[in-house]
Amino acid sequence: MMKEPEKERKSILEQARERLDITLILFELVLSVVFIVVGYLIDNNYIRGVGVGLTISWVTSALAYLITKMKKGKK
């Protein structure tokens, strides 16, 4: 039997770094939705405002991520 050529093995840390940016962006979106919903449920403007702030932050980070990926794709 012939052995297959060994693929480059990445450490767990390297694999996590590749997906960390997407994971954090999605976590920020989920967290903002949770804060907004909880703010409406307990009728608290402060909690709702935190959710809105997180939503604005999520949009900003998602746009930055997309622009960065598009620039890397052009090279």
PDB file of N, CA and C in Angstrom:
ATOM      1  N   MET A   1       0.823  -1.177   0.000  1.00  0.00           N
ATOM      2  CA  MET A   1       0.000   0.000   0.000  1.00  0.00           C
ATOM      3  C   MET A   1       0.870   1.244   0.000  1.00  0.00           C
ATOM      4  N   MET A   2       0.397   2.217  -0.748  1.00  0.00           N
ATOM      5  CA  MET A   2       1.123   3.475  -0.791  1.00  0.00           C
ATOM      6  C   MET A   2       0.521   4.438   0.228  1.00  0.00           C
ATOM      7  N   LYS A   3       1.399   5.128   0.901  1.00  0.00           N
ATOM      8  CA  LYS A   3       0.937   6.118   1.863  1.00  0.00           C
ATOM      9  C   LYS A   3       0.561   7.396   1.123  1.00  0.00           C
ATOM     10  N   GLU A   4      -0.480   8.028   1.613  1.00  0.00           N
ATOM     11  CA  GLU A   4      -0.860   9.313   1.052  1.00  0.00           C
ATOM     12  C   GLU A   4       0.124  10.366   1.544  1.00  0.00           C
ATOM     13  N   PRO A   5       0.388  11.347   0.713  1.00  0.00           N
ATOM     14  CA  PRO A   5       1.286  12.405   1.184  1.00  0.00           C
ATOM     15  C   PRO A   5       0.642  13.110   2.376  1.00  0.00           C
ATOM     16  N   GLU A   6       1.472  13.391   3.355  1.00  0.00           N
ATOM     17  CA  GLU A   6       0.964  14.005   4.570  1.00  0.00           C
ATOM     18  C   GLU A   6       0.572  15.457   4.300  1.00  0.00           C
ATOM     19  N   LYS A   7      -0.618  15.788   4.733  1.00  0.00           N
ATOM     20  CA  LYS A   7      -1.073  17.158   4.614  1.00  0.00           C
ATOM     21  C   LYS A   7      -0.488  17.943   5.779  1.00  0.00           C
ATOM     22  N   GLU A   8      -0.379  19.225   5.551  1.00  0.00           N
ATOM     23  CA  GLU A   8       0.112  20.055   6.650  1.00  0.00           C
ATOM     24  C   GLU A   8      -0.905  20.030   7.767  1.00  0.00           C
ATOM     25  N   ARG A   9      -0.466  19.626   8.921  1.00  0.00           N
ATOM     26  CA  ARG A   9      -1.364  19.591  10.067  1.00  0.00           C
ATOM     27  C   ARG A   9      -1.244  20.893  10.828  1.00  0.00           C
ATOM     28  N   LYS A  10      -2.370  21.465  11.105  1.00  0.00           N
ATOM     29  CA  LYS A  10      -2.381  22.708  11.863  1.00  0.00           C
ATOM     30  C   LYS A  10      -2.740  22.387  13.298  1.00  0.00           C
ATOM     31  N   SER A  11      -2.151  23.142  14.174  1.00  0.00           N
ATOM     32  CA  SER A  11      -2.474  22.953  15.587  1.00  0.00           C
ATOM     33  C   SER A  11      -3.894  23.445  15.848  1.00  0.00           C
ATOM     34  N   ILE A  12      -4.425  23.053  16.965  1.00  0.00           N
ATOM     35  CA  ILE A  12      -5.776  23.465  17.325  1.00  0.00           C
ATOM     36  C   ILE A  12      -5.855  24.987  17.436  1.00  0.00           C
ATOM     37  N   LEU A  13      -4.803  25.589  17.957  1.00  0.00           N
ATOM     38  CA  LEU A  13      -4.768  27.040  18.104  1.00  0.00           C
ATOM     39  C   LEU A  13      -4.810  27.734  16.743  1.00  0.00           C
ATOM     40  N   GLU A  14      -4.079  27.222  15.777  1.00  0.00           N
ATOM     41  CA  GLU A  14      -4.092  27.809  14.434  1.00  0.00           C
ATOM     42  C   GLU A  14      -5.457  27.659  13.784  1.00  0.00           C
ATOM     43  N   GLN A  15      -6.102  26.517  13.988  1.00  0.00           N
ATOM     44  CA  GLN A  15      -7.437  26.309  13.439  1.00  0.00           C
ATOM     45  C   GLN A  15      -8.436  27.256  14.077  1.00  0.00           C
ATOM     46  N   ALA A  16      -8.309  27.474  15.369  1.00  0.00           N
ATOM     47  CA  ALA A  16      -9.231  28.368  16.075  1.00  0.00           C
ATOM     48  C   ALA A  16      -9.040  29.807  15.614  1.00  0.00           C
ATOM     49  N   ARG A  17      -7.808  30.208  15.335  1.00  0.00           N
ATOM     50  CA  ARG A  17      -7.554  31.572  14.878  1.00  0.00           C
ATOM     51  C   ARG A  17      -8.214  31.852  13.540  1.00  0.00           C
ATOM     52  N   GLU A  18      -8.295  30.832  12.687  1.00  0.00           N
ATOM     53  CA  GLU A  18      -8.900  31.016  11.372  1.00  0.00           C
ATOM     54  C   GLU A  18     -10.385  31.341  11.483  1.00  0.00           C
ATOM     55  N   ARG A  19     -11.054  30.794  12.466  1.00  0.00           N
ATOM     56  CA  ARG A  19     -12.500  30.985  12.621  1.00  0.00           C
ATOM     57  C   ARG A  19     -12.869  31.934  13.748  1.00  0.00           C
ATOM     58  N   LEU A  20     -11.896  32.455  14.459  1.00  0.00           N
ATOM     59  CA  LEU A  20     -12.181  33.303  15.610  1.00  0.00           C
ATOM     60  C   LEU A  20     -12.912  34.577  15.210  1.00  0.00           C
ATOM     61  N   ASP A  21     -12.504  35.188  14.117  1.00  0.00           N
ATOM     62  CA  ASP A  21     -13.129  36.434  13.695  1.00  0.00           C
ATOM     63  C   ASP A  21     -14.609  36.242  13.390  1.00  0.00           C
ATOM     64  N   ILE A  22     -14.949  35.191  12.666  1.00  0.00           N
ATOM     65  CA  ILE A  22     -16.348  34.916  12.341  1.00  0.00           C
ATOM     66  C   ILE A  22     -17.130  34.571  13.604  1.00  0.00           C
ATOM     67  N   THR A  23     -16.526  33.792  14.467  1.00  0.00           N
ATOM     68  CA  THR A  23     -17.190  33.396  15.709  1.00  0.00           C
ATOM     69  C   THR A  23     -17.505  34.608  16.570  1.00  0.00           C
ATOM     70  N   LEU A  24     -16.565  35.521  16.693  1.00  0.00           N
ATOM     71  CA  LEU A  24     -16.795  36.715  17.506  1.00  0.00           C
ATOM     72  C   LEU A  24     -17.861  37.623  16.902  1.00  0.00           C
ATOM     73  N   ILE A  25     -17.883  37.736  15.586  1.00  0.00           N
ATOM     74  CA  ILE A  25     -18.895  38.557  14.927  1.00  0.00           C
ATOM     75  C   ILE A  25     -20.287  37.965  15.153  1.00  0.00           C
ATOM     76  N   LEU A  26     -20.415  36.658  15.017  1.00  0.00           N
ATOM     77  CA  LEU A  26     -21.717  36.019  15.250  1.00  0.00           C
ATOM     78  C   LEU A  26     -22.129  36.102  16.707  1.00  0.00           C
ATOM     79  N   PHE A  27     -21.173  35.953  17.607  1.00  0.00           N
ATOM     80  CA  PHE A  27     -21.473  36.060  19.035  1.00  0.00           C
ATOM     81  C   PHE A  27     -21.982  37.456  19.376  1.00  0.00           C
ATOM     82  N   GLU A  28     -21.383  38.460  18.758  1.00  0.00           N
ATOM     83  CA  GLU A  28     -21.804  39.836  18.991  1.00  0.00           C
ATOM     84  C   GLU A  28     -23.234  40.060  18.499  1.00  0.00           C
ATOM     85  N   LEU A  29     -23.586  39.465  17.371  1.00  0.00           N
ATOM     86  CA  LEU A  29     -24.949  39.572  16.847  1.00  0.00           C
ATOM     87  C   LEU A  29     -25.951  38.905  17.783  1.00  0.00           C
ATOM     88  N   VAL A  30     -25.639  37.692  18.212  1.00  0.00           N
ATOM     89  CA  VAL A  30     -26.540  36.967  19.116  1.00  0.00           C
ATOM     90  C   VAL A  30     -26.700  37.725  20.427  1.00  0.00           C
ATOM     91  N   LEU A  31     -25.602  38.229  20.958  1.00  0.00           N
ATOM     92  CA  LEU A  31     -25.651  38.962  22.216  1.00  0.00           C
ATOM     93  C   LEU A  31     -26.490  40.238  22.087  1.00  0.00           C
ATOM     94  N   SER A  32     -26.377  40.919  20.960  1.00  0.00           N
ATOM     95  CA  SER A  32     -27.165  42.137  20.771  1.00  0.00           C
ATOM     96  C   SER A  32     -28.655  41.818  20.701  1.00  0.00           C
ATOM     97  N   VAL A  33     -29.017  40.735  20.015  1.00  0.00           N
ATOM     98  CA  VAL A  33     -30.425  40.339  19.941  1.00  0.00           C
ATOM     99  C   VAL A  33     -30.947  39.974  21.327  1.00  0.00           C
ATOM    100  N   VAL A  34     -30.142  39.269  22.104  1.00  0.00           N
ATOM    101  CA  VAL A  34     -30.553  38.892  23.461  1.00  0.00           C
ATOM    102  C   VAL A  34     -30.791  40.136  24.307  1.00  0.00           C
ATOM    103  N   PHE A  35     -29.894  41.108  24.255  1.00  0.00           N
ATOM    104  CA  PHE A  35     -30.053  42.326  25.046  1.00  0.00           C
ATOM    105  C   PHE A  35     -31.295  43.107  24.618  1.00  0.00           C
ATOM    106  N   ILE A  36     -31.541  43.179  23.318  1.00  0.00           N
ATOM    107  CA  ILE A  36     -32.725  43.909  22.843  1.00  0.00           C
ATOM    108  C   ILE A  36     -34.000  43.221  23.311  1.00  0.00           C
ATOM    109  N   VAL A  37     -34.070  41.910  23.170  1.00  0.00           N
ATOM    110  CA  VAL A  37     -35.265  41.170  23.583  1.00  0.00           C
ATOM    111  C   VAL A  37     -35.487  41.278  25.090  1.00  0.00           C
ATOM    112  N   VAL A  38     -34.421  41.098  25.857  1.00  0.00           N
ATOM    113  CA  VAL A  38     -34.543  41.207  27.315  1.00  0.00           C
ATOM    114  C   VAL A  38     -34.947  42.628  27.705  1.00  0.00           C
ATOM    115  N   GLY A  39     -34.419  43.622  27.016  1.00  0.00           N
ATOM    116  CA  GLY A  39     -34.783  45.005  27.291  1.00  0.00           C
ATOM    117  C   GLY A  39     -36.262  45.263  27.077  1.00  0.00           C
ATOM    118  N   TYR A  40     -36.809  44.671  26.013  1.00  0.00           N
ATOM    119  CA  TYR A  40     -38.241  44.820  25.774  1.00  0.00           C
ATOM    120  C   TYR A  40     -39.071  44.022  26.780  1.00  0.00           C
ATOM    121  N   LEU A  41     -38.606  42.839  27.136  1.00  0.00           N
ATOM    122  CA  LEU A  41     -39.371  42.012  28.070  1.00  0.00           C
ATOM    123  C   LEU A  41     -39.474  42.629  29.458  1.00  0.00           C
ATOM    124  N   ILE A  42     -38.379  43.231  29.930  1.00  0.00           N
ATOM    125  CA  ILE A  42     -38.423  43.820  31.275  1.00  0.00           C
ATOM    126  C   ILE A  42     -38.646  45.333  31.218  1.00  0.00           C
ATOM    127  N   ASP A  43     -38.902  45.845  30.007  1.00  0.00           N
ATOM    128  CA  ASP A  43     -39.186  47.265  29.789  1.00  0.00           C
ATOM    129  C   ASP A  43     -38.101  48.157  30.394  1.00  0.00           C
ATOM    130  N   ASN A  44     -36.860  47.898  29.974  1.00  0.00           N
ATOM    131  CA  ASN A  44     -35.714  48.645  30.487  1.00  0.00           C
ATOM    132  C   ASN A  44     -34.982  49.273  29.300  1.00  0.00           C
ATOM    133  N   ASN A  45     -35.033  50.601  29.237  1.00  0.00           N
ATOM    134  CA  ASN A  45     -34.400  51.309  28.122  1.00  0.00           C
ATOM    135  C   ASN A  45     -32.885  51.146  28.107  1.00  0.00           C
ATOM    136  N   TYR A  46     -32.271  51.034  29.272  1.00  0.00           N
ATOM    137  CA  TYR A  46     -30.812  50.896  29.342  1.00  0.00           C
ATOM    138  C   TYR A  46     -30.355  49.594  28.676  1.00  0.00           C
ATOM    139  N   ILE A  47     -31.024  48.498  29.012  1.00  0.00           N
ATOM    140  CA  ILE A  47     -30.655  47.194  28.430  1.00  0.00           C
ATOM    141  C   ILE A  47     -30.898  47.213  26.922  1.00  0.00           C
ATOM    142  N   ARG A  48     -32.000  47.822  26.502  1.00  0.00           N
ATOM    143  CA  ARG A  48     -32.278  47.946  25.069  1.00  0.00           C
ATOM    144  C   ARG A  48     -31.183  48.760  24.380  1.00  0.00           C
ATOM    145  N   GLY A  49     -30.733  49.822  25.036  1.00  0.00           N
ATOM    146  CA  GLY A  49     -29.668  50.657  24.471  1.00  0.00           C
ATOM    147  C   GLY A  49     -28.357  49.903  24.327  1.00  0.00           C
ATOM    148  N   VAL A  50     -28.066  49.039  25.289  1.00  0.00           N
ATOM    149  CA  VAL A  50     -26.870  48.199  25.186  1.00  0.00           C
ATOM    150  C   VAL A  50     -26.988  47.292  23.954  1.00  0.00           C
ATOM    151  N   GLY A  51     -28.184  46.746  23.752  1.00  0.00           N
ATOM    152  CA  GLY A  51     -28.418  45.891  22.581  1.00  0.00           C
ATOM    153  C   GLY A  51     -28.251  46.648  21.279  1.00  0.00           C
ATOM    154  N   VAL A  52     -28.750  47.884  21.239  1.00  0.00           N
ATOM    155  CA  VAL A  52     -28.601  48.708  20.032  1.00  0.00           C
ATOM    156  C   VAL A  52     -27.125  49.040  19.795  1.00  0.00           C
ATOM    157  N   GLY A  53     -26.417  49.354  20.871  1.00  0.00           N
ATOM    158  CA  GLY A  53     -24.986  49.624  20.737  1.00  0.00           C
ATOM    159  C   GLY A  53     -24.217  48.421  20.218  1.00  0.00           C
ATOM    160  N   LEU A  54     -24.575  47.246  20.710  1.00  0.00           N
ATOM    161  CA  LEU A  54     -23.937  46.021  20.215  1.00  0.00           C
ATOM    162  C   LEU A  54     -24.285  45.760  18.755  1.00  0.00           C
ATOM    163  N   THR A  55     -25.500  46.110  18.358  1.00  0.00           N
ATOM    164  CA  THR A  55     -25.888  45.947  16.957  1.00  0.00           C
ATOM    165  C   THR A  55     -25.061  46.855  16.062  1.00  0.00           C
ATOM    166  N   ILE A  56     -24.868  48.088  16.474  1.00  0.00           N
ATOM    167  CA  ILE A  56     -24.033  49.019  15.706  1.00  0.00           C
ATOM    168  C   ILE A  56     -22.599  48.498  15.629  1.00  0.00           C
ATOM    169  N   SER A  57     -22.107  47.988  16.728  1.00  0.00           N
ATOM    170  CA  SER A  57     -20.766  47.415  16.760  1.00  0.00           C
ATOM    171  C   SER A  57     -20.668  46.199  15.846  1.00  0.00           C
ATOM    172  N   TRP A  58     -21.725  45.393  15.830  1.00  0.00           N
ATOM    173  CA  TRP A  58     -21.746  44.198  14.979  1.00  0.00           C
ATOM    174  C   TRP A  58     -21.678  44.588  13.504  1.00  0.00           C
ATOM    175  N   VAL A  59     -22.464  45.578  13.109  1.00  0.00           N
ATOM    176  CA  VAL A  59     -22.461  46.020  11.710  1.00  0.00           C
ATOM    177  C   VAL A  59     -21.081  46.530  11.322  1.00  0.00           C
ATOM    178  N   THR A  60     -20.472  47.303  12.204  1.00  0.00           N
ATOM    179  CA  THR A  60     -19.141  47.847  11.927  1.00  0.00           C
ATOM    180  C   THR A  60     -18.107  46.736  11.767  1.00  0.00           C
ATOM    181  N   SER A  61     -18.121  45.771  12.674  1.00  0.00           N
ATOM    182  CA  SER A  61     -17.132  44.685  12.590  1.00  0.00           C
ATOM    183  C   SER A  61     -17.404  43.777  11.394  1.00  0.00           C
ATOM    184  N   ALA A  62     -18.670  43.558  11.052  1.00  0.00           N
ATOM    185  CA  ALA A  62     -18.982  42.730   9.886  1.00  0.00           C
ATOM    186  C   ALA A  62     -18.517  43.411   8.599  1.00  0.00           C
ATOM    187  N   LEU A  63     -18.730  44.722   8.506  1.00  0.00           N
ATOM    188  CA  LEU A  63     -18.250  45.456   7.323  1.00  0.00           C
ATOM    189  C   LEU A  63     -16.728  45.431   7.231  1.00  0.00           C
ATOM    190  N   ALA A  64     -16.068  45.626   8.355  1.00  0.00           N
ATOM    191  CA  ALA A  64     -14.599  45.583   8.355  1.00  0.00           C
ATOM    192  C   ALA A  64     -14.099  44.211   7.927  1.00  0.00           C
ATOM    193  N   TYR A  65     -14.763  43.159   8.404  1.00  0.00           N
ATOM    194  CA  TYR A  65     -14.372  41.800   8.034  1.00  0.00           C
ATOM    195  C   TYR A  65     -14.554  41.577   6.531  1.00  0.00           C
ATOM    196  N   LEU A  66     -15.697  42.002   5.992  1.00  0.00           N
ATOM    197  CA  LEU A  66     -15.952  41.813   4.565  1.00  0.00           C
ATOM    198  C   LEU A  66     -14.967  42.590   3.700  1.00  0.00           C
ATOM    199  N   ILE A  67     -14.691  43.829   4.083  1.00  0.00           N
ATOM    200  CA  ILE A  67     -13.748  44.641   3.310  1.00  0.00           C
ATOM    201  C   ILE A  67     -12.357  44.021   3.346  1.00  0.00           C
ATOM    202  N   THR A  68     -11.948  43.534   4.508  1.00  0.00           N
ATOM    203  CA  THR A  68     -10.640  42.891   4.632  1.00  0.00           C
ATOM    204  C   THR A  68     -10.559  41.640   3.767  1.00  0.00           C
ATOM    205  N   LYS A  69     -11.607  40.831   3.783  1.00  0.00           N
ATOM    206  CA  LYS A  69     -11.613  39.609   2.966  1.00  0.00           C
ATOM    207  C   LYS A  69     -11.599  39.943   1.477  1.00  0.00           C
ATOM    208  N   MET A  70     -12.323  40.997   1.083  1.00  0.00           N
ATOM    209  CA  MET A  70     -12.345  41.364  -0.330  1.00  0.00           C
ATOM    210  C   MET A  70     -10.989  41.866  -0.783  1.00  0.00           C
ATOM    211  N   LYS A  71     -10.291  42.616   0.073  1.00  0.00           N
ATOM    212  CA  LYS A  71      -8.952  43.107  -0.272  1.00  0.00           C
ATOM    213  C   LYS A  71      -7.968  41.961  -0.397  1.00  0.00           C
ATOM    214  N   LYS A  72      -8.083  40.965   0.487  1.00  0.00           N
ATOM    215  CA  LYS A  72      -7.181  39.818   0.416  1.00  0.00           C
ATOM    216  C   LYS A  72      -7.447  38.995  -0.832  1.00  0.00           C
ATOM    217  N   GLY A  73      -8.693  38.954  -1.285  1.00  0.00           N
ATOM    218  CA  GLY A  73      -9.061  38.192  -2.475  1.00  0.00           C
ATOM    219  C   GLY A  73      -8.543  38.822  -3.761  1.00  0.00           C
ATOM    220  N   LYS A  74      -8.352  40.134  -3.777  1.00  0.00           N
ATOM    221  CA  LYS A  74      -7.877  40.842  -4.970  1.00  0.00           C
ATOM    222  C   LYS A  74      -6.383  40.662  -5.191  1.00  0.00           C
ATOM    223  N   LYS A  75      -5.637  40.360  -4.140  1.00  0.00           N
ATOM    224  CA  LYS A  75      -4.181  40.240  -4.267  1.00  0.00           C
ATOM    225  C   LYS A  75      -3.778  38.989  -4.962  1.00  0.00           C
TER     226      LYS A  75
END
